[in-house]
């Protein structure tokens, strides 16, 4: 919440606090829980006058979690989703990453997953470079949030050798195999440098690191090594063909990274009514007068 309020104040934006009680049937018990949650949130965030000064609105809803978040984000014309997450959370493994990827895939909105207390603006950011399209979109989203101001920016590009080439490399001696991998790393570095040149990160002080391995493992290890405070990642349009492909990288990084993660999806595919829908609508309970 503190990180969301900091961003809201910086951009003059309204912050909507949404708590969803997972119950697609809207049972009486869930409705009672929603009223209790409403009172608790109002106690936490102060009287309505204080919330109006902060441009802070509270909503509690009963329904499917991903669907309700997407619906409320659409209703409020949100620009950014902010999720709370922690490695010490009792949530099942991969649950947070799966939830985030579902919602951002449905809404086309970037999502910031906050895992650390916001003691100051981000100072050390790691950008996970993938395809040109997804990386440039991630850069644009971070720049619009003014996250690149006065930061130590590291750009990490993971690369792997194609399957048939691995067989060929296995037949090489150690020196030849090392030379082959070195050339592949140089090519990957040159590719990243080329498409960054005309981007909003082109003029920033940055360091590019090219590492062989799977993208999720490379990014998470680099984030630990550089003591990163925020990882910025994008997903390609092809990755949203199935949730499994999208989650194989973005969801894994969201779940495994110990720092905050900004995940930026492609623009939403299809019409709003075609995504994250179920037979029953959520049961919103508005805790403030503001729409």
C-alpha atoms as a PDB file:
ATOM      1  CA  UNK A   1       0.000   0.000   0.000  1.00  0.00           C
ATOM      2  CA  UNK A   2       2.798   2.421   0.839  1.00  0.00           C
ATOM      3  CA  UNK A   3       4.422   1.919  -2.552  1.00  0.00           C
ATOM      4  CA  UNK A   4       1.061   2.452  -4.288  1.00  0.00           C
ATOM      5  CA  UNK A   5       0.473   5.669  -2.334  1.00  0.00           C
ATOM      6  CA  UNK A   6       3.972   6.930  -3.181  1.00  0.00           C
ATOM      7  CA  UNK A   7       3.317   6.355  -6.885  1.00  0.00           C
ATOM      8  CA  UNK A   8      -0.165   7.854  -6.606  1.00  0.00           C
ATOM      9  CA  UNK A   9       1.172  11.011  -5.005  1.00  0.00           C
ATOM     10  CA  UNK A  10       3.964  11.341  -7.563  1.00  0.00           C
ATOM     11  CA  UNK A  11       1.575  11.095 -10.500  1.00  0.00           C
ATOM     12  CA  UNK A  12      -1.472  12.783  -8.973  1.00  0.00           C
ATOM     13  CA  UNK A  13      -3.382   9.510  -9.290  1.00  0.00           C
ATOM     14  CA  UNK A  14      -6.256   7.981  -7.378  1.00  0.00           C
ATOM     15  CA  UNK A  15      -5.391   4.792  -5.472  1.00  0.00           C
ATOM     16  CA  UNK A  16      -8.080   2.122  -5.146  1.00  0.00           C
ATOM     17  CA  UNK A  17      -7.523  -0.470  -2.416  1.00  0.00           C
ATOM     18  CA  UNK A  18      -9.238  -3.718  -3.411  1.00  0.00           C
ATOM     19  CA  UNK A  19      -9.615  -6.729  -1.147  1.00  0.00           C
ATOM     20  CA  UNK A  20     -11.253  -9.774  -2.724  1.00  0.00           C
ATOM     21  CA  UNK A  21     -12.815 -12.576  -0.698  1.00  0.00           C
ATOM     22  CA  UNK A  22     -12.621 -15.663  -2.894  1.00  0.00           C
ATOM     23  CA  UNK A  23     -16.141 -17.049  -3.098  1.00  0.00           C
ATOM     24  CA  UNK A  24     -17.824 -17.392  -6.490  1.00  0.00           C
ATOM     25  CA  UNK A  25     -21.142 -18.332  -4.853  1.00  0.00           C
ATOM     26  CA  UNK A  26     -21.437 -15.203  -2.724  1.00  0.00           C
ATOM     27  CA  UNK A  27     -22.318 -17.125   0.455  1.00  0.00           C
ATOM     28  CA  UNK A  28     -23.703 -15.465   3.567  1.00  0.00           C
ATOM     29  CA  UNK A  29     -20.447 -16.172   5.387  1.00  0.00           C
ATOM     30  CA  UNK A  30     -18.454 -14.451   2.637  1.00  0.00           C
ATOM     31  CA  UNK A  31     -20.747 -11.428   2.815  1.00  0.00           C
ATOM     32  CA  UNK A  32     -20.144 -11.195   6.571  1.00  0.00           C
ATOM     33  CA  UNK A  33     -16.396 -11.441   5.980  1.00  0.00           C
ATOM     34  CA  UNK A  34     -16.637  -8.621   3.445  1.00  0.00           C
ATOM     35  CA  UNK A  35     -18.324  -6.327   5.986  1.00  0.00           C
ATOM     36  CA  UNK A  36     -15.664  -7.115   8.594  1.00  0.00           C
ATOM     37  CA  UNK A  37     -12.882  -6.516   6.062  1.00  0.00           C
ATOM     38  CA  UNK A  38     -14.476  -3.213   5.109  1.00  0.00           C
ATOM     39  CA  UNK A  39     -14.487  -2.008   8.729  1.00  0.00           C
ATOM     40  CA  UNK A  40     -10.909  -3.187   9.241  1.00  0.00           C
ATOM     41  CA  UNK A  41      -9.613  -1.381   6.145  1.00  0.00           C
ATOM     42  CA  UNK A  42     -11.400   1.814   7.156  1.00  0.00           C
ATOM     43  CA  UNK A  43      -9.744   1.587  10.598  1.00  0.00           C
ATOM     44  CA  UNK A  44      -6.340   1.066   8.996  1.00  0.00           C
ATOM     45  CA  UNK A  45      -6.538   3.910   6.508  1.00  0.00           C
ATOM     46  CA  UNK A  46      -8.413   6.450   8.573  1.00  0.00           C
ATOM     47  CA  UNK A  47     -11.662   8.410   8.236  1.00  0.00           C
ATOM     48  CA  UNK A  48     -13.177   9.297   4.893  1.00  0.00           C
ATOM     49  CA  UNK A  49     -11.801  12.875   5.081  1.00  0.00           C
ATOM     50  CA  UNK A  50      -8.244  11.576   5.320  1.00  0.00           C
ATOM     51  CA  UNK A  51      -8.809   9.109   2.501  1.00  0.00           C
ATOM     52  CA  UNK A  52     -10.194  11.855   0.280  1.00  0.00           C
ATOM     53  CA  UNK A  53      -7.074  13.929   0.931  1.00  0.00           C
ATOM     54  CA  UNK A  54      -4.949  10.950  -0.134  1.00  0.00           C
ATOM     55  CA  UNK A  55      -7.267  10.239  -3.078  1.00  0.00           C
ATOM     56  CA  UNK A  56      -7.628   6.769  -1.590  1.00  0.00           C
ATOM     57  CA  UNK A  57     -10.722   4.628  -2.096  1.00  0.00           C
ATOM     58  CA  UNK A  58     -11.495   1.278  -0.476  1.00  0.00           C
ATOM     59  CA  UNK A  59     -13.391  -1.558  -2.096  1.00  0.00           C
ATOM     60  CA  UNK A  60     -14.141  -5.052  -0.824  1.00  0.00           C
ATOM     61  CA  UNK A  61     -15.650  -7.631  -3.164  1.00  0.00           C
ATOM     62  CA  UNK A  62     -16.744 -11.262  -3.045  1.00  0.00           C
ATOM     63  CA  UNK A  63     -16.116 -13.394  -6.121  1.00  0.00           C
ATOM     64  CA  UNK A  64     -13.434 -14.959  -8.278  1.00  0.00           C
ATOM     65  CA  UNK A  65     -10.171 -13.229  -7.434  1.00  0.00           C
ATOM     66  CA  UNK A  66      -8.635 -12.744 -10.901  1.00  0.00           C
ATOM     67  CA  UNK A  67     -11.959 -11.887 -12.514  1.00  0.00           C
ATOM     68  CA  UNK A  68     -12.873  -9.375  -9.815  1.00  0.00           C
ATOM     69  CA  UNK A  69      -9.515  -7.615  -9.914  1.00  0.00           C
ATOM     70  CA  UNK A  70      -9.761  -7.331 -13.697  1.00  0.00           C
ATOM     71  CA  UNK A  71     -13.336  -6.042 -13.531  1.00  0.00           C
ATOM     72  CA  UNK A  72     -12.586  -3.420 -10.871  1.00  0.00           C
ATOM     73  CA  UNK A  73      -9.424  -2.298 -12.706  1.00  0.00           C
ATOM     74  CA  UNK A  74     -11.509  -1.830 -15.849  1.00  0.00           C
ATOM     75  CA  UNK A  75     -14.264  -0.020 -13.929  1.00  0.00           C
ATOM     76  CA  UNK A  76     -11.792   2.481 -12.464  1.00  0.00           C
ATOM     77  CA  UNK A  77      -9.811   2.789 -15.717  1.00  0.00           C
ATOM     78  CA  UNK A  78      -6.642   1.854 -13.885  1.00  0.00           C
ATOM     79  CA  UNK A  79      -3.218   2.543 -15.367  1.00  0.00           C
ATOM     80  CA  UNK A  80      -1.270   0.235 -13.050  1.00  0.00           C
ATOM     81  CA  UNK A  81      -1.979  -2.801 -10.877  1.00  0.00           C
ATOM     82  CA  UNK A  82      -0.095  -3.124  -7.584  1.00  0.00           C
ATOM     83  CA  UNK A  83       0.010  -6.487  -5.795  1.00  0.00           C
ATOM     84  CA  UNK A  84       1.409  -7.249  -2.369  1.00  0.00           C
ATOM     85  CA  UNK A  85       3.616 -10.324  -2.199  1.00  0.00           C
ATOM     86  CA  UNK A  86       6.195 -11.876   0.099  1.00  0.00           C
ATOM     87  CA  UNK A  87       8.516 -14.877   0.045  1.00  0.00           C
ATOM     88  CA  UNK A  88       7.267 -15.513   3.571  1.00  0.00           C
ATOM     89  CA  UNK A  89       3.675 -15.603   2.353  1.00  0.00           C
ATOM     90  CA  UNK A  90       1.512 -18.616   3.146  1.00  0.00           C
ATOM     91  CA  UNK A  91       0.320 -18.641  -0.484  1.00  0.00           C
ATOM     92  CA  UNK A  92       0.988 -21.875  -2.334  1.00  0.00           C
ATOM     93  CA  UNK A  93       3.999 -21.850  -4.679  1.00  0.00           C
ATOM     94  CA  UNK A  94       3.273 -20.234  -8.057  1.00  0.00           C
ATOM     95  CA  UNK A  95      -0.115 -18.931  -6.869  1.00  0.00           C
ATOM     96  CA  UNK A  96       0.896 -15.266  -6.930  1.00  0.00           C
ATOM     97  CA  UNK A  97       2.617 -15.488 -10.295  1.00  0.00           C
ATOM     98  CA  UNK A  98      -0.356 -17.298 -11.800  1.00  0.00           C
ATOM     99  CA  UNK A  99      -2.782 -14.706 -10.421  1.00  0.00           C
ATOM    100  CA  UNK A 100      -0.741 -11.754 -11.692  1.00  0.00           C
ATOM    101  CA  UNK A 101      -0.232 -13.220 -15.158  1.00  0.00           C
ATOM    102  CA  UNK A 102      -3.956 -13.963 -15.452  1.00  0.00           C
ATOM    103  CA  UNK A 103      -4.984 -10.427 -14.510  1.00  0.00           C
ATOM    104  CA  UNK A 104      -2.435  -8.592 -16.636  1.00  0.00           C
ATOM    105  CA  UNK A 105      -3.200 -10.855 -19.564  1.00  0.00           C
ATOM    106  CA  UNK A 106      -6.892  -9.976 -19.228  1.00  0.00           C
ATOM    107  CA  UNK A 107      -6.473  -6.233 -18.711  1.00  0.00           C
ATOM    108  CA  UNK A 108      -3.346  -5.421 -20.691  1.00  0.00           C
ATOM    109  CA  UNK A 109      -2.120  -3.416 -17.679  1.00  0.00           C
ATOM    110  CA  UNK A 110       1.369  -3.523 -16.166  1.00  0.00           C
ATOM    111  CA  UNK A 111       1.548  -4.932 -12.649  1.00  0.00           C
ATOM    112  CA  UNK A 112       3.949  -4.041  -9.855  1.00  0.00           C
ATOM    113  CA  UNK A 113       4.424  -6.851  -7.321  1.00  0.00           C
ATOM    114  CA  UNK A 114       5.767  -5.340  -4.096  1.00  0.00           C
ATOM    115  CA  UNK A 115       7.787  -7.603  -1.808  1.00  0.00           C
ATOM    116  CA  UNK A 116       9.963  -5.142   0.112  1.00  0.00           C
ATOM    117  CA  UNK A 117       9.135  -2.100   2.278  1.00  0.00           C
ATOM    118  CA  UNK A 118       9.372   1.085   0.170  1.00  0.00           C
ATOM    119  CA  UNK A 119      12.087   2.858   2.156  1.00  0.00           C
ATOM    120  CA  UNK A 120      13.028   5.093  -0.793  1.00  0.00           C
ATOM    121  CA  UNK A 121      12.551   5.367  -4.569  1.00  0.00           C
ATOM    122  CA  UNK A 122      14.066   2.474  -6.505  1.00  0.00           C
ATOM    123  CA  UNK A 123      17.824   2.892  -6.873  1.00  0.00           C
ATOM    124  CA  UNK A 124      18.925  -0.438  -8.377  1.00  0.00           C
ATOM    125  CA  UNK A 125      16.816  -1.773 -11.245  1.00  0.00           C
ATOM    126  CA  UNK A 126      17.360  -4.871 -13.347  1.00  0.00           C
ATOM    127  CA  UNK A 127      15.720  -5.112 -16.765  1.00  0.00           C
ATOM    128  CA  UNK A 128      15.226  -8.631 -18.086  1.00  0.00           C
ATOM    129  CA  UNK A 129      15.725  -8.287 -21.855  1.00  0.00           C
ATOM    130  CA  UNK A 130      13.848 -10.777 -24.014  1.00  0.00           C
ATOM    131  CA  UNK A 131      12.350 -10.038 -27.429  1.00  0.00           C
ATOM    132  CA  UNK A 132      12.720  -6.537 -28.828  1.00  0.00           C
ATOM    133  CA  UNK A 133       8.958  -5.897 -28.665  1.00  0.00           C
ATOM    134  CA  UNK A 134       8.490  -6.999 -25.067  1.00  0.00           C
ATOM    135  CA  UNK A 135      11.654  -5.287 -23.810  1.00  0.00           C
ATOM    136  CA  UNK A 136      10.856  -1.929 -25.393  1.00  0.00           C
ATOM    137  CA  UNK A 137       7.321  -2.097 -24.003  1.00  0.00           C
ATOM    138  CA  UNK A 138       8.711  -2.809 -20.523  1.00  0.00           C
ATOM    139  CA  UNK A 139      11.130   0.120 -20.854  1.00  0.00           C
ATOM    140  CA  UNK A 140       8.316   2.448 -21.897  1.00  0.00           C
ATOM    141  CA  UNK A 141       6.116   1.408 -18.955  1.00  0.00           C
ATOM    142  CA  UNK A 142       8.949   1.916 -16.456  1.00  0.00           C
ATOM    143  CA  UNK A 143       9.808   5.293 -17.966  1.00  0.00           C
ATOM    144  CA  UNK A 144       6.185   6.465 -17.761  1.00  0.00           C
ATOM    145  CA  UNK A 145       6.241   5.596 -14.048  1.00  0.00           C
ATOM    146  CA  UNK A 146       9.463   7.656 -13.744  1.00  0.00           C
ATOM    147  CA  UNK A 147      11.299   4.655 -12.348  1.00  0.00           C
ATOM    148  CA  UNK A 148      14.506   5.288 -14.287  1.00  0.00           C
ATOM    149  CA  UNK A 149      15.305   8.599 -12.593  1.00  0.00           C
ATOM    150  CA  UNK A 150      18.794   8.469 -11.049  1.00  0.00           C
ATOM    151  CA  UNK A 151      19.084   4.657 -10.907  1.00  0.00           C
ATOM    152  CA  UNK A 152      21.764   2.028 -11.352  1.00  0.00           C
ATOM    153  CA  UNK A 153      20.277   0.129 -14.311  1.00  0.00           C
ATOM    154  CA  UNK A 154      21.479  -3.369 -15.147  1.00  0.00           C
ATOM    155  CA  UNK A 155      20.185  -5.101 -18.262  1.00  0.00           C
ATOM    156  CA  UNK A 156      20.380  -8.888 -18.311  1.00  0.00           C
ATOM    157  CA  UNK A 157      19.921 -10.951 -21.446  1.00  0.00           C
ATOM    158  CA  UNK A 158      19.646 -14.730 -21.125  1.00  0.00           C
ATOM    159  CA  UNK A 159      20.549 -16.846 -24.124  1.00  0.00           C
ATOM    160  CA  UNK A 160      20.565 -20.552 -24.904  1.00  0.00           C
ATOM    161  CA  UNK A 161      22.049 -22.428 -27.835  1.00  0.00           C
ATOM    162  CA  UNK A 162      19.480 -24.140 -30.096  1.00  0.00           C
ATOM    163  CA  UNK A 163      18.959 -27.860 -29.608  1.00  0.00           C
ATOM    164  CA  UNK A 164      20.773 -29.151 -32.731  1.00  0.00           C
ATOM    165  CA  UNK A 165      23.694 -26.816 -32.004  1.00  0.00           C
ATOM    166  CA  UNK A 166      24.104 -28.275 -28.525  1.00  0.00           C
ATOM    167  CA  UNK A 167      24.845 -31.646 -30.109  1.00  0.00           C
ATOM    168  CA  UNK A 168      27.441 -30.051 -32.355  1.00  0.00           C
ATOM    169  CA  UNK A 169      28.990 -28.199 -29.407  1.00  0.00           C
ATOM    170  CA  UNK A 170      29.224 -31.461 -27.486  1.00  0.00           C
ATOM    171  CA  UNK A 171      31.539 -32.805 -30.223  1.00  0.00           C
ATOM    172  CA  UNK A 172      33.903 -29.835 -29.907  1.00  0.00           C
ATOM    173  CA  UNK A 173      36.880 -29.731 -27.590  1.00  0.00           C
ATOM    174  CA  UNK A 174      36.728 -27.433 -24.566  1.00  0.00           C
ATOM    175  CA  UNK A 175      38.424 -24.500 -26.297  1.00  0.00           C
ATOM    176  CA  UNK A 176      36.211 -24.657 -29.405  1.00  0.00           C
ATOM    177  CA  UNK A 177      33.054 -24.981 -27.304  1.00  0.00           C
ATOM    178  CA  UNK A 178      34.065 -21.983 -25.191  1.00  0.00           C
ATOM    179  CA  UNK A 179      34.743 -19.965 -28.358  1.00  0.00           C
ATOM    180  CA  UNK A 180      31.337 -20.895 -29.753  1.00  0.00           C
ATOM    181  CA  UNK A 181      29.557 -19.801 -26.574  1.00  0.00           C
ATOM    182  CA  UNK A 182      31.598 -16.599 -26.468  1.00  0.00           C
ATOM    183  CA  UNK A 183      30.496 -15.729 -30.023  1.00  0.00           C
ATOM    184  CA  UNK A 184      26.874 -16.465 -29.104  1.00  0.00           C
ATOM    185  CA  UNK A 185      27.194 -14.131 -26.104  1.00  0.00           C
ATOM    186  CA  UNK A 186      28.693 -11.377 -28.288  1.00  0.00           C
ATOM    187  CA  UNK A 187      25.820 -11.719 -30.764  1.00  0.00           C
ATOM    188  CA  UNK A 188      23.264 -11.537 -27.964  1.00  0.00           C
ATOM    189  CA  UNK A 189      24.962  -8.460 -26.490  1.00  0.00           C
ATOM    190  CA  UNK A 190      25.024  -6.742 -29.886  1.00  0.00           C
ATOM    191  CA  UNK A 191      21.335  -7.472 -30.399  1.00  0.00           C
ATOM    192  CA  UNK A 192      20.380  -5.893 -27.085  1.00  0.00           C
ATOM    193  CA  UNK A 193      22.598  -2.850 -27.710  1.00  0.00           C
ATOM    194  CA  UNK A 194      21.035  -2.322 -31.140  1.00  0.00           C
ATOM    195  CA  UNK A 195      17.413  -2.217 -30.053  1.00  0.00           C
ATOM    196  CA  UNK A 196      18.155  -0.211 -26.909  1.00  0.00           C
ATOM    197  CA  UNK A 197      19.843   2.547 -28.896  1.00  0.00           C
ATOM    198  CA  UNK A 198      16.617   4.232 -29.951  1.00  0.00           C
ATOM    199  CA  UNK A 199      14.658   3.514 -26.776  1.00  0.00           C
ATOM    200  CA  UNK A 200      14.014   5.546 -23.647  1.00  0.00           C
ATOM    201  CA  UNK A 201      16.792   3.565 -21.974  1.00  0.00           C
ATOM    202  CA  UNK A 202      19.244   4.467 -24.746  1.00  0.00           C
ATOM    203  CA  UNK A 203      20.583   7.531 -22.964  1.00  0.00           C
ATOM    204  CA  UNK A 204      20.669   6.034 -19.475  1.00  0.00           C
ATOM    205  CA  UNK A 205      23.798   4.930 -17.693  1.00  0.00           C
ATOM    206  CA  UNK A 206      23.508   1.175 -17.836  1.00  0.00           C
ATOM    207  CA  UNK A 207      25.425  -2.076 -17.930  1.00  0.00           C
ATOM    208  CA  UNK A 208      24.480  -5.013 -20.152  1.00  0.00           C
ATOM    209  CA  UNK A 209      25.116  -8.561 -18.962  1.00  0.00           C
ATOM    210  CA  UNK A 210      24.664 -11.596 -21.198  1.00  0.00           C
ATOM    211  CA  UNK A 211      24.362 -14.950 -19.444  1.00  0.00           C
ATOM    212  CA  UNK A 212      23.678 -18.442 -20.778  1.00  0.00           C
ATOM    213  CA  UNK A 213      20.694 -20.160 -19.178  1.00  0.00           C
ATOM    214  CA  UNK A 214      16.939 -20.070 -18.842  1.00  0.00           C
ATOM    215  CA  UNK A 215      15.532 -16.515 -18.551  1.00  0.00           C
ATOM    216  CA  UNK A 216      13.799 -16.989 -15.195  1.00  0.00           C
ATOM    217  CA  UNK A 217      16.872 -18.517 -13.545  1.00  0.00           C
ATOM    218  CA  UNK A 218      19.279 -15.977 -15.062  1.00  0.00           C
ATOM    219  CA  UNK A 219      17.140 -12.992 -14.049  1.00  0.00           C
ATOM    220  CA  UNK A 220      16.525 -14.184 -10.491  1.00  0.00           C
ATOM    221  CA  UNK A 221      20.184 -15.014  -9.896  1.00  0.00           C
ATOM    222  CA  UNK A 222      21.297 -11.678 -11.341  1.00  0.00           C
ATOM    223  CA  UNK A 223      18.785  -9.846  -9.146  1.00  0.00           C
ATOM    224  CA  UNK A 224      20.330 -11.483  -6.068  1.00  0.00           C
ATOM    225  CA  UNK A 225      23.893 -10.844  -7.233  1.00  0.00           C
ATOM    226  CA  UNK A 226      23.297  -7.139  -7.912  1.00  0.00           C
ATOM    227  CA  UNK A 227      21.133  -6.615  -4.793  1.00  0.00           C
ATOM    228  CA  UNK A 228      18.381  -5.432  -7.122  1.00  0.00           C
ATOM    229  CA  UNK A 229      15.367  -3.587  -5.707  1.00  0.00           C
ATOM    230  CA  UNK A 230      13.168  -3.906  -8.803  1.00  0.00           C
ATOM    231  CA  UNK A 231      13.090  -6.326 -11.727  1.00  0.00           C
ATOM    232  CA  UNK A 232      11.354  -5.094 -14.896  1.00  0.00           C
ATOM    233  CA  UNK A 233      10.176  -7.739 -17.362  1.00  0.00           C
ATOM    234  CA  UNK A 234       7.965  -7.875 -20.442  1.00  0.00           C
ATOM    235  CA  UNK A 235       6.109 -10.643 -22.226  1.00  0.00           C
ATOM    236  CA  UNK A 236       5.819 -11.132 -25.952  1.00  0.00           C
ATOM    237  CA  UNK A 237       2.465 -11.387 -27.698  1.00  0.00           C
ATOM    238  CA  UNK A 238       3.215 -14.980 -28.652  1.00  0.00           C
ATOM    239  CA  UNK A 239       3.678 -15.802 -24.963  1.00  0.00           C
ATOM    240  CA  UNK A 240       0.011 -15.099 -24.282  1.00  0.00           C
ATOM    241  CA  UNK A 241      -1.191 -17.780 -26.674  1.00  0.00           C
ATOM    242  CA  UNK A 242      -1.325 -20.040 -23.647  1.00  0.00           C
ATOM    243  CA  UNK A 243      -0.960 -19.206 -19.965  1.00  0.00           C
ATOM    244  CA  UNK A 244       1.596 -21.968 -19.612  1.00  0.00           C
ATOM    245  CA  UNK A 245       4.010 -20.298 -22.039  1.00  0.00           C
ATOM    246  CA  UNK A 246       3.542 -16.883 -20.439  1.00  0.00           C
ATOM    247  CA  UNK A 247       3.913 -18.221 -16.930  1.00  0.00           C
ATOM    248  CA  UNK A 248       7.045 -20.188 -17.766  1.00  0.00           C
ATOM    249  CA  UNK A 249       9.046 -16.949 -17.507  1.00  0.00           C
ATOM    250  CA  UNK A 250       7.042 -14.066 -16.042  1.00  0.00           C
ATOM    251  CA  UNK A 251       5.169 -16.138 -13.463  1.00  0.00           C
ATOM    252  CA  UNK A 252       8.360 -17.881 -12.353  1.00  0.00           C
ATOM    253  CA  UNK A 253      10.202 -14.582 -11.908  1.00  0.00           C
ATOM    254  CA  UNK A 254       7.290 -13.095  -9.946  1.00  0.00           C
ATOM    255  CA  UNK A 255       7.244 -16.115  -7.642  1.00  0.00           C
ATOM    256  CA  UNK A 256      10.987 -16.578  -7.220  1.00  0.00           C
ATOM    257  CA  UNK A 257      12.415 -13.048  -7.111  1.00  0.00           C
ATOM    258  CA  UNK A 258      13.053 -11.696  -3.630  1.00  0.00           C
ATOM    259  CA  UNK A 259      12.684  -8.078  -4.791  1.00  0.00           C
ATOM    260  CA  UNK A 260       9.817  -6.130  -6.379  1.00  0.00           C
ATOM    261  CA  UNK A 261       8.816  -7.040  -9.940  1.00  0.00           C
ATOM    262  CA  UNK A 262       7.184  -4.892 -12.644  1.00  0.00           C
ATOM    263  CA  UNK A 263       5.577  -7.184 -15.242  1.00  0.00           C
ATOM    264  CA  UNK A 264       4.418  -5.603 -18.512  1.00  0.00           C
ATOM    265  CA  UNK A 265       2.151  -7.608 -20.856  1.00  0.00           C
ATOM    266  CA  UNK A 266       1.265  -7.036 -24.503  1.00  0.00           C
ATOM    267  CA  UNK A 267      -1.858  -4.985 -25.206  1.00  0.00           C
ATOM    268  CA  UNK A 268      -4.977  -6.922 -24.286  1.00  0.00           C
ATOM    269  CA  UNK A 269      -6.166  -9.359 -26.923  1.00  0.00           C
ATOM    270  CA  UNK A 270      -9.884  -9.476 -27.722  1.00  0.00           C
ATOM    271  CA  UNK A 271     -12.774  -7.625 -26.114  1.00  0.00           C
ATOM    272  CA  UNK A 272     -13.084  -7.001 -22.402  1.00  0.00           C
ATOM    273  CA  UNK A 273     -16.118  -9.243 -22.033  1.00  0.00           C
ATOM    274  CA  UNK A 274     -14.175 -12.162 -23.487  1.00  0.00           C
ATOM    275  CA  UNK A 275     -11.600 -12.368 -20.684  1.00  0.00           C
ATOM    276  CA  UNK A 276     -11.699 -13.669 -17.126  1.00  0.00           C
ATOM    277  CA  UNK A 277     -15.468 -14.162 -17.093  1.00  0.00           C
ATOM    278  CA  UNK A 278     -17.608 -16.598 -15.153  1.00  0.00           C
ATOM    279  CA  UNK A 279     -21.328 -17.249 -14.913  1.00  0.00           C
ATOM    280  CA  UNK A 280     -21.848 -15.234 -11.733  1.00  0.00           C
ATOM    281  CA  UNK A 281     -20.814 -11.611 -11.344  1.00  0.00           C
ATOM    282  CA  UNK A 282     -18.819 -10.498  -8.259  1.00  0.00           C
ATOM    283  CA  UNK A 283     -20.623  -8.959  -5.303  1.00  0.00           C
ATOM    284  CA  UNK A 284     -18.948  -5.579  -4.706  1.00  0.00           C
ATOM    285  CA  UNK A 285     -19.323  -3.800  -1.398  1.00  0.00           C
ATOM    286  CA  UNK A 286     -18.271  -0.172  -1.664  1.00  0.00           C
ATOM    287  CA  UNK A 287     -16.616   1.138   1.471  1.00  0.00           C
ATOM    288  CA  UNK A 288     -16.453   4.754   0.361  1.00  0.00           C
ATOM    289  CA  UNK A 289     -18.645   7.074  -1.637  1.00  0.00           C
ATOM    290  CA  UNK A 290     -16.064   7.636  -4.313  1.00  0.00           C
ATOM    291  CA  UNK A 291     -16.657   5.656  -7.500  1.00  0.00           C
END
